[in-house]
Amino acid sequence: MSELRADTISASDGTSPVTLTKQHAAKSWARYGEDSVIADSFNVASTVDSTSVTGSTTVNFTNNMSNGDYPAQGTCNGVTGDRFTVISVQSSSSYNSYTFDGSTRTELPVGAMVNGDLA
């Protein structure tokens, strides 16, 4: 059996990231709390907690998506019951997440992931 060990894999120029072929890795993901403070993330520049809409957070990308038609999903972390996240108002530079407890918007921790093509 062969074994491959590497600390870094780069393109043939030695500095660029490797292009994935026939694979689709997540282009962005984030985990943030009820206060929209990021606990951990990838390709997320910032989050903004809406002061006018309960349970709403805008997530801004570090590197934009090619358009606003990317698939995104979110979950409410660490909670049970009838609690869920809706991803909406997508653009190439950001998306909004809305969290609910039943039919009521409320502040909850979120985990979200985006797939698609970067700009």
Protein backbone atom coordinates (compact mmCIF):
# COMPACT_ATOMS: atom_id res chain seq x y z
CA MET A 1 0.00 0.00 0.00
CA SER A 2 1.23 3.51 -0.82
CA GLU A 3 1.23 6.37 1.64
CA LEU A 4 1.32 10.09 0.90
CA ARG A 5 2.44 12.52 3.60
CA ALA A 6 2.57 16.27 3.09
CA ASP A 7 2.45 19.44 5.16
CA THR A 8 1.59 21.68 2.21
CA ILE A 9 0.15 21.01 -1.22
CA SER A 10 0.39 23.83 -3.75
CA ALA A 11 -0.03 24.33 -7.49
CA SER A 12 2.92 23.83 -9.83
CA ASP A 13 3.99 27.48 -9.38
CA GLY A 14 4.72 26.64 -5.73
CA THR A 15 2.49 29.28 -4.16
CA SER A 16 -1.08 29.06 -5.49
CA PRO A 17 -3.64 26.72 -3.93
CA VAL A 18 -4.35 23.46 -5.70
CA THR A 19 -7.39 23.49 -7.99
CA LEU A 20 -9.91 20.82 -7.05
CA THR A 21 -11.26 18.90 -10.01
CA LYS A 22 -14.52 16.97 -9.85
CA GLN A 23 -14.78 17.93 -6.19
CA HIS A 24 -16.67 20.69 -4.47
CA ALA A 25 -15.28 21.82 -1.15
CA ALA A 26 -17.13 24.29 1.06
CA LYS A 27 -16.27 27.84 -0.02
CA SER A 28 -17.29 29.39 3.29
CA TRP A 29 -18.40 28.27 6.73
CA ALA A 30 -18.93 29.93 10.06
CA ARG A 31 -19.96 29.22 13.59
CA TYR A 32 -21.23 32.23 15.52
CA GLY A 33 -23.14 32.83 18.73
CA GLU A 34 -26.40 34.50 19.63
CA ASP A 35 -24.55 37.83 19.62
CA SER A 36 -23.19 37.16 16.08
CA VAL A 37 -19.62 36.91 17.41
CA ILE A 38 -17.62 34.45 15.28
CA ALA A 39 -16.34 31.41 17.17
CA ASP A 40 -14.64 29.91 14.10
CA SER A 41 -14.88 30.43 10.34
CA PHE A 42 -13.44 30.07 6.85
CA ASN A 43 -13.77 32.80 4.18
CA VAL A 44 -15.80 35.02 6.52
CA ALA A 45 -14.62 38.60 6.95
CA SER A 46 -17.23 39.69 9.49
CA THR A 47 -20.72 39.24 10.89
CA VAL A 48 -23.21 41.99 11.68
CA ASP A 49 -25.97 41.48 14.23
CA SER A 50 -29.15 43.26 13.10
CA THR A 51 -30.36 45.73 15.67
CA SER A 52 -33.76 46.03 13.99
CA VAL A 53 -34.59 42.35 13.32
CA THR A 54 -34.35 39.80 16.14
CA GLY A 55 -32.39 36.68 15.20
CA SER A 56 -30.88 38.19 12.04
CA THR A 57 -27.17 38.15 11.22
CA THR A 58 -25.44 39.29 8.03
CA VAL A 59 -22.36 37.23 7.15
CA ASN A 60 -19.80 38.96 4.89
CA PHE A 61 -17.35 36.94 2.80
CA THR A 62 -13.62 37.56 2.66
CA ASN A 63 -13.59 36.36 -0.98
CA ASN A 64 -16.83 36.90 -2.90
CA MET A 65 -18.88 34.20 -4.54
CA SER A 66 -19.35 34.41 -8.34
CA ASN A 67 -23.04 35.34 -7.86
CA GLY A 68 -25.87 35.09 -5.32
CA ASP A 69 -27.20 31.74 -6.56
CA TYR A 70 -25.05 29.49 -4.35
CA PRO A 71 -26.42 26.77 -2.07
CA ALA A 72 -26.21 27.56 1.64
CA GLN A 73 -27.45 25.83 4.75
CA GLY A 74 -27.48 26.59 8.44
CA THR A 75 -28.16 24.86 11.72
CA CYS A 76 -28.76 26.05 15.26
CA ASN A 77 -25.81 24.70 17.23
CA GLY A 78 -26.19 23.07 20.61
CA VAL A 79 -29.96 23.35 20.87
CA THR A 80 -32.85 20.94 20.49
CA GLY A 81 -36.54 21.24 19.75
CA ASP A 82 -38.29 23.20 17.05
CA ARG A 83 -35.37 25.59 16.43
CA PHE A 84 -33.98 26.26 12.97
CA THR A 85 -32.00 28.64 10.75
CA VAL A 86 -33.03 30.10 7.39
CA ILE A 87 -30.38 31.45 4.98
CA SER A 88 -31.73 34.24 2.79
CA VAL A 89 -30.96 37.56 1.05
CA GLN A 90 -27.92 36.08 -0.67
CA SER A 91 -25.54 38.21 -2.73
CA SER A 92 -22.05 37.57 -4.06
CA SER A 93 -20.56 39.29 -0.99
CA SER A 94 -22.85 38.18 1.87
CA TYR A 95 -25.93 36.35 3.12
CA ASN A 96 -28.34 36.73 6.02
CA SER A 97 -29.26 34.07 8.53
CA TYR A 98 -32.47 34.15 10.55
CA THR A 99 -32.99 31.93 13.60
CA PHE A 100 -36.34 30.73 14.91
CA ASP A 101 -37.72 28.96 17.94
CA GLY A 102 -40.93 27.57 16.48
CA SER A 103 -42.44 30.49 14.54
CA THR A 104 -40.76 33.17 16.69
CA ARG A 105 -37.51 34.84 15.63
CA THR A 106 -34.98 34.57 18.43
CA GLU A 107 -31.23 34.85 18.98
CA LEU A 108 -29.55 31.41 18.68
CA PRO A 109 -26.03 30.14 17.91
CA VAL A 110 -25.57 29.21 14.24
CA GLY A 111 -23.39 26.97 12.10
CA ALA A 112 -23.60 27.75 8.36
CA MET A 113 -21.91 26.51 5.19
CA VAL A 114 -21.80 27.77 1.59
CA ASN A 115 -20.93 25.86 -1.58
CA GLY A 116 -20.59 27.15 -5.12
CA ASP A 117 -18.00 29.06 -7.15
CA LEU A 118 -15.82 31.89 -5.94
CA ALA A 119 -15.60 35.04 -8.07
